[in-house]
């Protein structure tokens, strides 16, 4: 369910980036690369020791 919410947020921001300009695309790039939302979603299901 959290993965779907993350995907929904991600894909809903794409048209906003195309309309408003590249500045918001750069902000989204920083959000995905620095915050690692995919790790926040999936690490709650799998312990960190099993991933490495």
N, C-alpha and C. Protein backbone atom coordinates (compact mmCIF):
# COMPACT_ATOMS: atom_id res chain seq x y z
N UNK A 1 0.82 -1.19 0.00
CA UNK A 1 0.00 0.00 0.00
C UNK A 1 0.87 1.26 0.00
N UNK A 2 1.95 1.22 0.78
CA UNK A 2 2.83 2.39 0.80
C UNK A 2 3.56 2.55 -0.52
N UNK A 3 3.87 1.44 -1.18
CA UNK A 3 4.50 1.51 -2.49
C UNK A 3 3.59 2.15 -3.52
N UNK A 4 2.30 1.85 -3.44
CA UNK A 4 1.34 2.47 -4.35
C UNK A 4 1.22 3.97 -4.08
N UNK A 5 1.25 4.34 -2.82
CA UNK A 5 1.18 5.77 -2.47
C UNK A 5 2.41 6.50 -2.98
N UNK A 6 3.58 5.89 -2.87
CA UNK A 6 4.79 6.50 -3.38
C UNK A 6 4.74 6.65 -4.90
N UNK A 7 4.28 5.62 -5.57
CA UNK A 7 4.13 5.68 -7.03
C UNK A 7 3.12 6.73 -7.46
N UNK A 8 2.04 6.85 -6.72
CA UNK A 8 1.03 7.85 -7.03
C UNK A 8 1.58 9.26 -6.88
N UNK A 9 2.32 9.50 -5.81
CA UNK A 9 2.94 10.82 -5.62
C UNK A 9 3.94 11.10 -6.74
N UNK A 10 4.75 10.11 -7.06
CA UNK A 10 5.77 10.29 -8.08
C UNK A 10 5.14 10.61 -9.44
N UNK A 11 4.15 9.83 -9.85
CA UNK A 11 3.55 10.03 -11.16
C UNK A 11 2.63 11.24 -11.21
N UNK A 12 2.10 11.67 -10.09
CA UNK A 12 1.30 12.90 -10.08
C UNK A 12 2.18 14.15 -10.17
N UNK A 13 3.43 14.05 -9.78
CA UNK A 13 4.33 15.20 -9.87
C UNK A 13 4.91 15.39 -11.27
N UNK A 14 4.88 14.36 -12.12
CA UNK A 14 5.45 14.47 -13.46
C UNK A 14 4.74 15.53 -14.31
N UNK A 15 3.41 15.57 -14.39
CA UNK A 15 2.78 16.65 -15.17
C UNK A 15 3.06 18.03 -14.58
N UNK A 16 3.16 18.12 -13.28
CA UNK A 16 3.48 19.39 -12.62
C UNK A 16 4.87 19.88 -13.06
N UNK A 17 5.80 18.94 -13.19
CA UNK A 17 7.15 19.29 -13.64
C UNK A 17 7.11 19.77 -15.09
N UNK A 18 6.34 19.09 -15.94
CA UNK A 18 6.29 19.46 -17.34
C UNK A 18 5.62 20.82 -17.55
N UNK A 19 4.69 21.18 -16.70
CA UNK A 19 3.98 22.45 -16.84
C UNK A 19 4.77 23.59 -16.23
N UNK A 20 5.29 23.41 -15.04
CA UNK A 20 5.93 24.50 -14.30
C UNK A 20 7.37 24.75 -14.69
N UNK A 21 8.05 23.76 -15.22
CA UNK A 21 9.42 23.98 -15.65
C UNK A 21 10.42 23.07 -14.97
N UNK A 22 11.68 23.21 -15.38
CA UNK A 22 12.71 22.28 -14.91
C UNK A 22 13.11 22.45 -13.44
N UNK A 23 12.82 23.59 -12.85
CA UNK A 23 13.19 23.79 -11.45
C UNK A 23 12.54 22.74 -10.55
N UNK A 24 11.27 22.45 -10.80
CA UNK A 24 10.57 21.46 -9.98
C UNK A 24 11.05 20.05 -10.29
N UNK A 25 11.53 19.82 -11.50
CA UNK A 25 12.14 18.53 -11.83
C UNK A 25 13.43 18.32 -11.06
N UNK A 26 14.20 19.40 -10.91
CA UNK A 26 15.44 19.32 -10.14
C UNK A 26 15.12 19.07 -8.67
N UNK A 27 14.09 19.72 -8.15
CA UNK A 27 13.69 19.47 -6.76
C UNK A 27 13.25 18.03 -6.56
N UNK A 28 12.52 17.48 -7.52
CA UNK A 28 12.08 16.09 -7.40
C UNK A 28 13.28 15.14 -7.48
N UNK A 29 14.23 15.48 -8.35
CA UNK A 29 15.45 14.66 -8.46
C UNK A 29 16.18 14.63 -7.12
N UNK A 30 16.32 15.79 -6.48
CA UNK A 30 16.96 15.84 -5.16
C UNK A 30 16.17 15.05 -4.13
N UNK A 31 14.85 15.15 -4.19
CA UNK A 31 14.02 14.43 -3.24
C UNK A 31 14.24 12.93 -3.36
N UNK A 32 14.24 12.42 -4.59
CA UNK A 32 14.40 10.97 -4.79
C UNK A 32 15.83 10.53 -4.47
N UNK A 33 16.83 11.34 -4.83
CA UNK A 33 18.20 10.89 -4.64
C UNK A 33 18.69 11.04 -3.21
N UNK A 34 18.28 12.08 -2.51
CA UNK A 34 18.78 12.30 -1.16
C UNK A 34 17.92 11.65 -0.08
N UNK A 35 16.62 11.69 -0.24
CA UNK A 35 15.74 11.15 0.78
C UNK A 35 15.57 9.64 0.65
N UNK A 36 15.72 9.10 -0.55
CA UNK A 36 15.51 7.68 -0.82
C UNK A 36 14.12 7.22 -0.35
N UNK A 37 13.06 7.76 -0.93
CA UNK A 37 11.73 7.35 -0.47
C UNK A 37 11.45 5.87 -0.71
N UNK A 38 12.06 5.28 -1.75
CA UNK A 38 11.85 3.85 -1.99
C UNK A 38 12.44 3.02 -0.85
N UNK A 39 13.54 3.49 -0.26
CA UNK A 39 14.11 2.77 0.88
C UNK A 39 13.24 2.94 2.12
N UNK A 40 12.68 4.12 2.28
CA UNK A 40 11.79 4.35 3.42
C UNK A 40 10.56 3.45 3.34
N UNK A 41 10.07 3.20 2.12
CA UNK A 41 8.89 2.36 1.95
C UNK A 41 9.23 0.89 2.18
N UNK A 42 10.29 0.40 1.56
CA UNK A 42 10.56 -1.02 1.57
C UNK A 42 11.37 -1.49 2.78
N UNK A 43 12.15 -0.63 3.41
CA UNK A 43 12.93 -1.07 4.56
C UNK A 43 12.07 -1.34 5.79
N UNK A 44 10.85 -0.85 5.81
CA UNK A 44 9.98 -1.16 6.94
C UNK A 44 9.50 -2.61 6.88
N UNK A 45 9.52 -3.22 5.67
CA UNK A 45 9.10 -4.60 5.51
C UNK A 45 10.24 -5.58 5.71
N UNK A 46 11.43 -5.20 5.25
CA UNK A 46 12.58 -6.10 5.31
C UNK A 46 13.63 -5.54 6.25
N UNK A 47 14.15 -6.36 7.15
CA UNK A 47 15.23 -5.87 8.01
C UNK A 47 16.46 -5.53 7.18
N UNK A 48 17.23 -4.57 7.64
CA UNK A 48 18.39 -4.11 6.89
C UNK A 48 19.46 -5.19 6.76
N UNK A 49 19.56 -6.09 7.73
CA UNK A 49 20.61 -7.10 7.66
C UNK A 49 20.35 -8.12 6.54
N UNK A 50 19.13 -8.31 6.12
CA UNK A 50 18.83 -9.25 5.04
C UNK A 50 19.08 -8.66 3.66
N UNK A 51 19.22 -7.34 3.58
CA UNK A 51 19.40 -6.70 2.28
C UNK A 51 20.86 -6.66 1.84
N UNK A 52 21.80 -6.85 2.75
CA UNK A 52 23.22 -6.72 2.38
C UNK A 52 23.95 -8.01 2.45
